């Protein structure tokens, strides 16, 4: 029952913040990511007060739902792809893909290096944070590009990213 309640809270929170960010002209995924960060901070603060919450969050049910969600998003992205357009823009696509992995990796390592206390494992911990950010950046970027209408079709010259949202 706790798992269902937690999933319901996650769904309502992400949906509410997603709708809220859309109302101010931002993509829904911005609010959804913000909801995830807020819930993670809240869970880390309440962990000692509600020990059952940590068991639910780390449980196999939540991991299964997360895996299904990422699979569905990447499947949808794959369906939206057009191989001819990818081949025509392969050089640019390569550098964008490379930047989409390297920038979050380096930013995560740098951010973790600043905030993680000194220890013999600090470099490994910072690298772990960077890798975690770079792997989660791919589905997040995919969703954002799909929301902005830029995933299947490259923007025409003179278009501004997200200008159609205003």
N, C-alpha and C. Protein backbone atom coordinates (compact mmCIF):
# COMPACT_ATOMS: atom_id res chain seq x y z
N UNK A 1 0.81 -1.20 0.00
CA UNK A 1 0.00 0.00 0.00
C UNK A 1 0.86 1.27 0.00
N UNK A 2 2.03 1.21 0.72
CA UNK A 2 2.91 2.36 0.77
C UNK A 2 3.47 2.69 -0.61
N UNK A 3 3.74 1.66 -1.41
CA UNK A 3 4.28 1.88 -2.75
C UNK A 3 3.27 2.62 -3.61
N UNK A 4 2.03 2.21 -3.56
CA UNK A 4 0.98 2.87 -4.34
C UNK A 4 0.82 4.31 -3.90
N UNK A 5 0.85 4.56 -2.60
CA UNK A 5 0.74 5.92 -2.08
C UNK A 5 1.92 6.77 -2.54
N UNK A 6 3.12 6.22 -2.47
CA UNK A 6 4.30 6.97 -2.90
C UNK A 6 4.25 7.26 -4.40
N UNK A 7 3.85 6.29 -5.22
CA UNK A 7 3.71 6.52 -6.65
C UNK A 7 2.66 7.59 -6.94
N UNK A 8 1.57 7.58 -6.18
CA UNK A 8 0.53 8.59 -6.34
C UNK A 8 1.08 9.98 -5.99
N UNK A 9 1.83 10.08 -4.91
CA UNK A 9 2.42 11.36 -4.52
C UNK A 9 3.40 11.85 -5.59
N UNK A 10 4.22 10.94 -6.12
CA UNK A 10 5.15 11.33 -7.19
C UNK A 10 4.40 11.80 -8.42
N UNK A 11 3.36 11.08 -8.80
CA UNK A 11 2.59 11.43 -9.99
C UNK A 11 1.91 12.80 -9.83
N UNK A 12 1.27 13.02 -8.71
CA UNK A 12 0.58 14.29 -8.47
C UNK A 12 1.58 15.45 -8.43
N UNK A 13 2.69 15.25 -7.73
CA UNK A 13 3.68 16.32 -7.60
C UNK A 13 4.29 16.67 -8.95
N UNK A 14 4.71 15.66 -9.71
CA UNK A 14 5.32 15.94 -11.01
C UNK A 14 4.31 16.55 -11.98
N UNK A 15 3.09 16.07 -11.95
CA UNK A 15 2.07 16.62 -12.84
C UNK A 15 1.75 18.07 -12.49
N UNK A 16 1.62 18.36 -11.18
CA UNK A 16 1.30 19.72 -10.74
C UNK A 16 2.41 20.70 -11.11
N UNK A 17 3.65 20.32 -10.85
CA UNK A 17 4.75 21.22 -11.18
C UNK A 17 4.96 21.31 -12.69
N UNK A 18 4.70 20.23 -13.40
CA UNK A 18 4.77 20.28 -14.86
C UNK A 18 3.74 21.24 -15.44
N UNK A 19 2.52 21.17 -14.94
CA UNK A 19 1.47 22.09 -15.39
C UNK A 19 1.82 23.53 -15.01
N UNK A 20 2.37 23.70 -13.81
CA UNK A 20 2.74 25.04 -13.36
C UNK A 20 3.79 25.68 -14.23
N UNK A 21 4.81 24.90 -14.61
CA UNK A 21 5.85 25.47 -15.47
C UNK A 21 5.34 25.74 -16.88
N UNK A 22 4.40 24.93 -17.36
CA UNK A 22 3.82 25.21 -18.67
C UNK A 22 3.04 26.53 -18.66
N UNK A 23 2.39 26.81 -17.55
CA UNK A 23 1.61 28.06 -17.45
C UNK A 23 2.50 29.30 -17.46
N UNK A 24 3.75 29.15 -17.06
CA UNK A 24 4.64 30.31 -17.11
C UNK A 24 5.53 30.29 -18.35
N UNK A 25 5.23 29.40 -19.28
CA UNK A 25 5.91 29.39 -20.57
C UNK A 25 7.12 28.48 -20.68
N UNK A 26 7.31 27.60 -19.72
CA UNK A 26 8.42 26.65 -19.77
C UNK A 26 7.89 25.26 -20.09
N UNK A 27 8.73 24.38 -20.61
CA UNK A 27 8.28 23.00 -20.86
C UNK A 27 7.92 22.29 -19.56
N UNK A 28 6.99 21.37 -19.64
CA UNK A 28 6.54 20.61 -18.48
C UNK A 28 7.67 19.82 -17.85
N UNK A 29 8.62 19.36 -18.65
CA UNK A 29 9.71 18.56 -18.11
C UNK A 29 10.56 19.33 -17.12
N UNK A 30 10.61 20.65 -17.24
CA UNK A 30 11.35 21.46 -16.27
C UNK A 30 10.70 21.32 -14.89
N UNK A 31 9.39 21.45 -14.83
CA UNK A 31 8.68 21.28 -13.57
C UNK A 31 8.77 19.87 -13.05
N UNK A 32 8.77 18.88 -13.93
CA UNK A 32 8.85 17.50 -13.50
C UNK A 32 10.21 17.18 -12.89
N UNK A 33 11.26 17.72 -13.48
CA UNK A 33 12.60 17.53 -12.91
C UNK A 33 12.69 18.25 -11.56
N UNK A 34 12.13 19.45 -11.49
CA UNK A 34 12.10 20.19 -10.23
C UNK A 34 11.35 19.40 -9.15
N UNK A 35 10.25 18.77 -9.52
CA UNK A 35 9.50 17.93 -8.58
C UNK A 35 10.34 16.78 -8.09
N UNK A 36 11.10 16.15 -8.99
CA UNK A 36 11.97 15.05 -8.59
C UNK A 36 13.04 15.50 -7.61
N UNK A 37 13.62 16.66 -7.85
CA UNK A 37 14.63 17.19 -6.93
C UNK A 37 13.99 17.50 -5.57
N UNK A 38 12.83 18.13 -5.60
CA UNK A 38 12.15 18.47 -4.34
C UNK A 38 11.79 17.21 -3.55
N UNK A 39 11.27 16.20 -4.22
CA UNK A 39 10.93 14.95 -3.53
C UNK A 39 12.17 14.26 -2.98
N UNK A 40 13.27 14.29 -3.74
CA UNK A 40 14.51 13.66 -3.26
C UNK A 40 15.02 14.36 -2.01
N UNK A 41 14.99 15.69 -2.00
CA UNK A 41 15.43 16.43 -0.81
C UNK A 41 14.51 16.13 0.37
N UNK A 42 13.22 16.11 0.12
CA UNK A 42 12.26 15.84 1.19
C UNK A 42 12.46 14.44 1.76
N UNK A 43 12.67 13.47 0.90
CA UNK A 43 12.87 12.09 1.35
C UNK A 43 14.16 11.97 2.15
N UNK A 44 15.21 12.66 1.69
CA UNK A 44 16.48 12.58 2.43
C UNK A 44 16.35 13.21 3.81
N UNK A 45 15.53 14.26 3.93
CA UNK A 45 15.34 14.92 5.22
C UNK A 45 14.43 14.11 6.14
N UNK A 46 13.45 13.41 5.55
CA UNK A 46 12.50 12.64 6.36
C UNK A 46 12.94 11.21 6.61
N UNK A 47 14.07 10.82 6.03
CA UNK A 47 14.52 9.43 6.14
C UNK A 47 14.59 8.92 7.57
N UNK A 48 15.09 9.74 8.49
CA UNK A 48 15.18 9.32 9.88
C UNK A 48 13.84 9.29 10.57
N UNK A 49 12.91 10.16 10.14
CA UNK A 49 11.59 10.21 10.77
C UNK A 49 10.65 9.12 10.27
N UNK A 50 10.86 8.71 9.03
CA UNK A 50 9.99 7.69 8.43
C UNK A 50 10.86 6.60 7.80
N UNK A 51 11.38 5.67 8.59
CA UNK A 51 12.27 4.65 8.05
C UNK A 51 11.63 3.78 6.97
N UNK A 52 10.33 3.62 7.01
CA UNK A 52 9.64 2.84 5.99
C UNK A 52 9.69 3.49 4.63
N UNK A 53 9.83 4.82 4.62
CA UNK A 53 9.88 5.57 3.36
C UNK A 53 11.12 5.19 2.56
N UNK A 54 12.24 5.05 3.21
CA UNK A 54 13.47 4.66 2.52
C UNK A 54 13.33 3.28 1.89
N UNK A 55 12.66 2.38 2.59
CA UNK A 55 12.45 1.03 2.04
C UNK A 55 11.58 1.08 0.80
N UNK A 56 10.57 1.94 0.81
CA UNK A 56 9.69 2.07 -0.36
C UNK A 56 10.45 2.66 -1.54
N UNK A 57 11.20 3.73 -1.28
CA UNK A 57 11.93 4.41 -2.35
C UNK A 57 12.97 3.50 -2.98
N UNK A 58 13.65 2.70 -2.17
CA UNK A 58 14.68 1.80 -2.68
C UNK A 58 14.13 0.44 -3.09
N UNK A 59 12.83 0.26 -3.00
CA UNK A 59 12.22 -1.03 -3.29
C UNK A 59 12.21 -1.38 -4.77
N UNK A 60 12.02 -2.65 -5.07
CA UNK A 60 12.03 -3.10 -6.46
C UNK A 60 10.85 -2.57 -7.27
N UNK A 61 9.74 -2.26 -6.61
CA UNK A 61 8.57 -1.75 -7.34
C UNK A 61 8.85 -0.40 -7.97
N UNK A 62 9.47 0.51 -7.21
CA UNK A 62 9.79 1.85 -7.72
C UNK A 62 10.83 1.74 -8.84
N UNK A 63 11.81 0.87 -8.67
CA UNK A 63 12.82 0.68 -9.71
C UNK A 63 12.19 0.14 -10.99
N UNK A 64 11.23 -0.77 -10.85
CA UNK A 64 10.55 -1.32 -12.01
C UNK A 64 9.76 -0.24 -12.75
N UNK A 65 9.02 0.58 -12.01
CA UNK A 65 8.25 1.66 -12.62
C UNK A 65 9.17 2.65 -13.32
N UNK A 66 10.30 2.99 -12.69
CA UNK A 66 11.26 3.91 -13.30
C UNK A 66 11.84 3.32 -14.59
N UNK A 67 12.18 2.06 -14.56
CA UNK A 67 12.73 1.39 -15.74
C UNK A 67 11.72 1.36 -16.88
N UNK A 68 10.49 1.07 -16.57
CA UNK A 68 9.44 1.05 -17.60
C UNK A 68 9.25 2.45 -18.18
N UNK A 69 9.28 3.47 -17.33
CA UNK A 69 9.12 4.84 -17.80
C UNK A 69 10.24 5.26 -18.74
N UNK A 70 11.48 4.95 -18.38
CA UNK A 70 12.61 5.30 -19.24
C UNK A 70 12.55 4.51 -20.53
N UNK A 71 12.18 3.24 -20.44
CA UNK A 71 12.06 2.42 -21.65
C UNK A 71 11.00 3.00 -22.59
N UNK A 72 9.85 3.37 -22.04
CA UNK A 72 8.77 3.91 -22.87
C UNK A 72 9.19 5.23 -23.53
N UNK A 73 9.88 6.09 -22.79
CA UNK A 73 10.34 7.36 -23.35
C UNK A 73 11.34 7.14 -24.47
N UNK A 74 12.30 6.26 -24.25
CA UNK A 74 13.30 6.00 -25.29
C UNK A 74 12.68 5.28 -26.49
N UNK A 75 11.68 4.43 -26.26
CA UNK A 75 10.98 3.78 -27.36
C UNK A 75 10.25 4.83 -28.20
N UNK A 76 9.57 5.74 -27.54
CA UNK A 76 8.88 6.82 -28.26
C UNK A 76 9.87 7.67 -29.05
N UNK A 77 11.01 7.96 -28.45
CA UNK A 77 12.04 8.73 -29.16
C UNK A 77 12.53 7.97 -30.38
N UNK A 78 12.72 6.69 -30.25
CA UNK A 78 13.16 5.87 -31.38
C UNK A 78 12.13 5.84 -32.50
N UNK A 79 10.86 5.81 -32.14
CA UNK A 79 9.79 5.82 -33.14
C UNK A 79 9.77 7.15 -33.88
N UNK A 80 10.07 8.25 -33.17
CA UNK A 80 10.06 9.58 -33.76
C UNK A 80 11.24 9.85 -34.68
N UNK A 81 12.32 9.07 -34.56
CA UNK A 81 13.52 9.32 -35.35
C UNK A 81 13.29 9.05 -36.82
N UNK A 82 13.97 9.82 -37.63
CA UNK A 82 13.94 9.64 -39.07
C UNK A 82 15.37 9.41 -39.54
N UNK A 83 15.69 8.16 -39.92
CA UNK A 83 17.08 7.82 -40.27
C UNK A 83 17.68 8.70 -41.36
N UNK A 84 16.88 9.11 -42.35
CA UNK A 84 17.42 9.96 -43.42
C UNK A 84 17.89 11.30 -42.88
N UNK A 85 17.13 11.89 -41.95
CA UNK A 85 17.52 13.17 -41.36
C UNK A 85 18.76 13.01 -40.49
N UNK A 86 18.86 11.89 -39.80
CA UNK A 86 20.04 11.65 -38.96
C UNK A 86 21.28 11.54 -39.84
N UNK A 87 21.17 10.80 -40.94
CA UNK A 87 22.31 10.63 -41.83
C UNK A 87 22.71 11.97 -42.46
N UNK A 88 21.73 12.79 -42.82
CA UNK A 88 22.03 14.09 -43.43
C UNK A 88 22.69 15.05 -42.45
N UNK A 89 22.40 14.89 -41.19
CA UNK A 89 22.95 15.79 -40.17
C UNK A 89 23.88 15.05 -39.21
N UNK A 90 24.54 13.99 -39.70
CA UNK A 90 25.29 13.12 -38.80
C UNK A 90 26.43 13.83 -38.09
N UNK A 91 27.13 14.73 -38.75
CA UNK A 91 28.26 15.40 -38.09
C UNK A 91 27.75 16.29 -36.95
N UNK A 92 26.75 17.09 -37.23
CA UNK A 92 26.19 17.94 -36.18
C UNK A 92 25.56 17.13 -35.07
N UNK A 93 24.87 16.04 -35.46
CA UNK A 93 24.24 15.18 -34.45
C UNK A 93 25.30 14.53 -33.56
N UNK A 94 26.43 14.17 -34.13
CA UNK A 94 27.50 13.57 -33.35
C UNK A 94 28.00 14.53 -32.28
N UNK A 95 28.25 15.78 -32.67
CA UNK A 95 28.77 16.75 -31.71
C UNK A 95 27.73 17.13 -30.65
N UNK A 96 26.47 17.17 -31.04
CA UNK A 96 25.42 17.44 -30.07
C UNK A 96 25.32 16.28 -29.08
N UNK A 97 25.36 15.06 -29.59
CA UNK A 97 25.30 13.89 -28.71
C UNK A 97 26.51 13.83 -27.78
N UNK A 98 27.67 14.12 -28.31
CA UNK A 98 28.88 14.13 -27.50
C UNK A 98 28.79 15.20 -26.41
N UNK A 99 28.32 16.38 -26.77
CA UNK A 99 28.14 17.44 -25.78
C UNK A 99 27.08 17.09 -24.75
N UNK A 100 26.06 16.36 -25.18
CA UNK A 100 25.00 15.95 -24.26
C UNK A 100 25.46 14.94 -23.22
N UNK A 101 26.58 14.32 -23.47
CA UNK A 101 27.15 13.38 -22.51
C UNK A 101 28.28 14.05 -21.71
N UNK A 102 29.17 14.76 -22.41
CA UNK A 102 30.36 15.32 -21.75
C UNK A 102 30.02 16.50 -20.84
N UNK A 103 29.14 17.39 -21.27
CA UNK A 103 28.81 18.56 -20.44
C UNK A 103 28.19 18.14 -19.10
N UNK A 104 27.15 17.27 -19.07
CA UNK A 104 26.64 16.85 -17.77
C UNK A 104 27.67 16.08 -16.94
N UNK A 105 28.52 15.29 -17.60
CA UNK A 105 29.55 14.55 -16.88
C UNK A 105 30.50 15.51 -16.17
N UNK A 106 31.02 16.48 -16.91
CA UNK A 106 31.97 17.43 -16.32
C UNK A 106 31.30 18.33 -15.29
N UNK A 107 30.08 18.76 -15.57
CA UNK A 107 29.36 19.60 -14.60
C UNK A 107 29.08 18.83 -13.32
N UNK A 108 28.69 17.57 -13.45
CA UNK A 108 28.43 16.75 -12.27
C UNK A 108 29.68 16.51 -11.44
N UNK A 109 30.80 16.23 -12.10
CA UNK A 109 32.06 16.02 -11.39
C UNK A 109 32.47 17.31 -10.67
N UNK A 110 32.37 18.44 -11.36
CA UNK A 110 32.77 19.71 -10.76
C UNK A 110 31.87 20.07 -9.57
N UNK A 111 30.57 19.90 -9.75
CA UNK A 111 29.63 20.21 -8.67
C UNK A 111 29.85 19.29 -7.46
N UNK A 112 30.03 18.02 -7.72
CA UNK A 112 30.27 17.08 -6.64
C UNK A 112 31.60 17.39 -5.94
N UNK A 113 32.61 17.77 -6.71
CA UNK A 113 33.92 18.07 -6.13
C UNK A 113 33.82 19.22 -5.14
N UNK A 114 32.95 20.18 -5.43
CA UNK A 114 32.78 21.32 -4.54
C UNK A 114 32.05 20.93 -3.27
N UNK A 115 31.03 20.08 -3.37
CA UNK A 115 30.15 19.81 -2.23
C UNK A 115 30.49 18.55 -1.42
N UNK A 116 31.17 17.60 -2.02
CA UNK A 116 31.50 16.37 -1.29
C UNK A 116 32.68 16.66 -0.36
N UNK A 117 32.57 16.26 0.91
CA UNK A 117 33.68 16.50 1.84
C UNK A 117 34.92 15.69 1.45
N UNK A 118 36.07 16.20 1.85
CA UNK A 118 37.32 15.51 1.54
C UNK A 118 37.36 14.12 2.17
N UNK A 119 37.76 13.15 1.36
CA UNK A 119 37.92 11.78 1.81
C UNK A 119 38.79 11.06 0.78
N UNK A 120 39.27 9.88 1.11
CA UNK A 120 40.07 9.13 0.14
C UNK A 120 39.28 8.76 -1.13
N UNK A 121 37.95 8.72 -1.02
CA UNK A 121 37.12 8.33 -2.16
C UNK A 121 36.46 9.51 -2.87
N UNK A 122 36.90 10.73 -2.58
CA UNK A 122 36.24 11.91 -3.14
C UNK A 122 36.24 11.90 -4.67
N UNK A 123 37.34 11.52 -5.29
CA UNK A 123 37.39 11.53 -6.76
C UNK A 123 36.44 10.49 -7.35
N UNK A 124 36.35 9.34 -6.73
CA UNK A 124 35.43 8.29 -7.21
C UNK A 124 33.98 8.73 -7.03
N UNK A 125 33.69 9.34 -5.88
CA UNK A 125 32.33 9.82 -5.62
C UNK A 125 31.95 10.92 -6.61
N UNK A 126 32.86 11.83 -6.88
CA UNK A 126 32.57 12.91 -7.84
C UNK A 126 32.35 12.34 -9.24
N UNK A 127 33.16 11.37 -9.63
CA UNK A 127 32.99 10.74 -10.93
C UNK A 127 31.65 10.01 -11.00
N UNK A 128 31.26 9.36 -9.92
CA UNK A 128 29.96 8.68 -9.87
C UNK A 128 28.82 9.67 -10.10
N UNK A 129 28.87 10.82 -9.44
CA UNK A 129 27.83 11.84 -9.62
C UNK A 129 27.82 12.32 -11.08
N UNK A 130 28.98 12.55 -11.65
CA UNK A 130 29.05 12.99 -13.05
C UNK A 130 28.46 11.97 -14.01
N UNK A 131 28.80 10.70 -13.81
CA UNK A 131 28.26 9.64 -14.67
C UNK A 131 26.74 9.53 -14.49
N UNK A 132 26.28 9.63 -13.25
CA UNK A 132 24.83 9.57 -13.01
C UNK A 132 24.11 10.71 -13.72
N UNK A 133 24.67 11.91 -13.67
CA UNK A 133 24.04 13.04 -14.35
C UNK A 133 24.08 12.89 -15.86
N UNK A 134 25.18 12.38 -16.40
CA UNK A 134 25.26 12.26 -17.86
C UNK A 134 24.32 11.18 -18.39
N UNK A 135 24.12 10.10 -17.64
CA UNK A 135 23.22 9.06 -18.13
C UNK A 135 21.76 9.47 -18.00
N UNK A 136 21.43 10.23 -16.98
CA UNK A 136 20.05 10.69 -16.85
C UNK A 136 19.77 11.90 -17.73
N UNK A 137 20.81 12.54 -18.25
CA UNK A 137 20.61 13.69 -19.13
C UNK A 137 20.02 13.28 -20.47
N UNK A 138 20.32 12.09 -20.93
CA UNK A 138 19.84 11.65 -22.24
C UNK A 138 18.32 11.56 -22.30
N UNK A 139 17.66 10.83 -21.38
CA UNK A 139 16.19 10.81 -21.44
C UNK A 139 15.57 12.18 -21.16
N UNK A 140 16.18 12.96 -20.28
CA UNK A 140 15.63 14.29 -19.98
C UNK A 140 15.74 15.20 -21.19
N UNK A 141 16.86 15.18 -21.87
CA UNK A 141 17.03 15.99 -23.07
C UNK A 141 16.10 15.54 -24.18
N UNK A 142 15.92 14.24 -24.31
CA UNK A 142 15.00 13.71 -25.32
C UNK A 142 13.60 14.22 -25.08
N UNK A 143 13.15 14.14 -23.84
CA UNK A 143 11.80 14.62 -23.51
C UNK A 143 11.66 16.11 -23.77
N UNK A 144 12.66 16.88 -23.39
CA UNK A 144 12.62 18.33 -23.59
C UNK A 144 12.58 18.68 -25.07
N UNK A 145 13.39 18.03 -25.88
CA UNK A 145 13.38 18.29 -27.32
C UNK A 145 12.05 17.90 -27.94
N UNK A 146 11.45 16.82 -27.46
CA UNK A 146 10.14 16.41 -27.98
C UNK A 146 9.08 17.46 -27.62
N UNK A 147 9.13 17.98 -26.38
CA UNK A 147 8.16 18.99 -25.97
C UNK A 147 8.29 20.27 -26.78
N UNK A 148 9.52 20.63 -27.10
CA UNK A 148 9.75 21.86 -27.86
C UNK A 148 9.53 21.68 -29.36
N UNK A 149 9.24 20.46 -29.78
CA UNK A 149 8.99 20.20 -31.20
C UNK A 149 10.27 20.20 -32.02
N UNK A 150 11.41 19.99 -31.39
CA UNK A 150 12.69 20.03 -32.09
C UNK A 150 13.30 18.65 -32.29
N UNK A 151 12.62 17.61 -31.81
CA UNK A 151 13.21 16.29 -31.87
C UNK A 151 13.21 15.73 -33.28
N UNK A 152 12.07 15.74 -33.92
CA UNK A 152 11.97 15.12 -35.24
C UNK A 152 12.45 16.03 -36.36
N UNK A 153 12.35 17.33 -36.16
CA UNK A 153 12.71 18.28 -37.21
C UNK A 153 13.67 19.31 -36.66
N UNK A 154 14.79 19.53 -37.35
CA UNK A 154 15.70 20.57 -36.88
C UNK A 154 15.05 21.94 -37.06
N UNK A 155 15.39 22.93 -36.22
CA UNK A 155 14.78 24.25 -36.36
C UNK A 155 15.21 24.91 -37.65
N UNK A 156 14.32 25.68 -38.24
CA UNK A 156 14.64 26.44 -39.43
C UNK A 156 15.47 27.64 -39.02
N UNK A 157 16.23 28.19 -39.97
CA UNK A 157 17.04 29.37 -39.62
C UNK A 157 16.10 30.50 -39.21
N UNK A 158 16.48 31.20 -38.19
CA UNK A 158 15.65 32.29 -37.67
C UNK A 158 14.71 31.86 -36.56
N UNK A 159 14.50 30.53 -36.41
CA UNK A 159 13.64 30.06 -35.32
C UNK A 159 14.41 30.17 -34.02
N UNK A 160 13.70 30.44 -32.97
CA UNK A 160 14.30 30.48 -31.65
C UNK A 160 13.72 29.33 -30.85
N UNK A 161 14.58 28.64 -30.14
CA UNK A 161 14.17 27.50 -29.34
C UNK A 161 13.06 27.88 -28.38
N UNK A 162 11.92 27.24 -28.52
CA UNK A 162 10.83 27.47 -27.60
C UNK A 162 10.00 28.69 -27.92
N UNK A 163 10.27 29.40 -29.05
CA UNK A 163 9.52 30.63 -29.33
C UNK A 163 8.06 30.34 -29.61
N UNK A 164 7.74 29.13 -30.03
CA UNK A 164 6.33 28.79 -30.29
C UNK A 164 5.54 28.57 -29.01
N UNK A 165 6.23 28.50 -27.87
CA UNK A 165 5.52 28.27 -26.61
C UNK A 165 4.92 29.55 -26.06
N UNK A 166 5.37 30.70 -26.52
CA UNK A 166 4.89 31.97 -25.96
C UNK A 166 3.64 32.43 -26.64
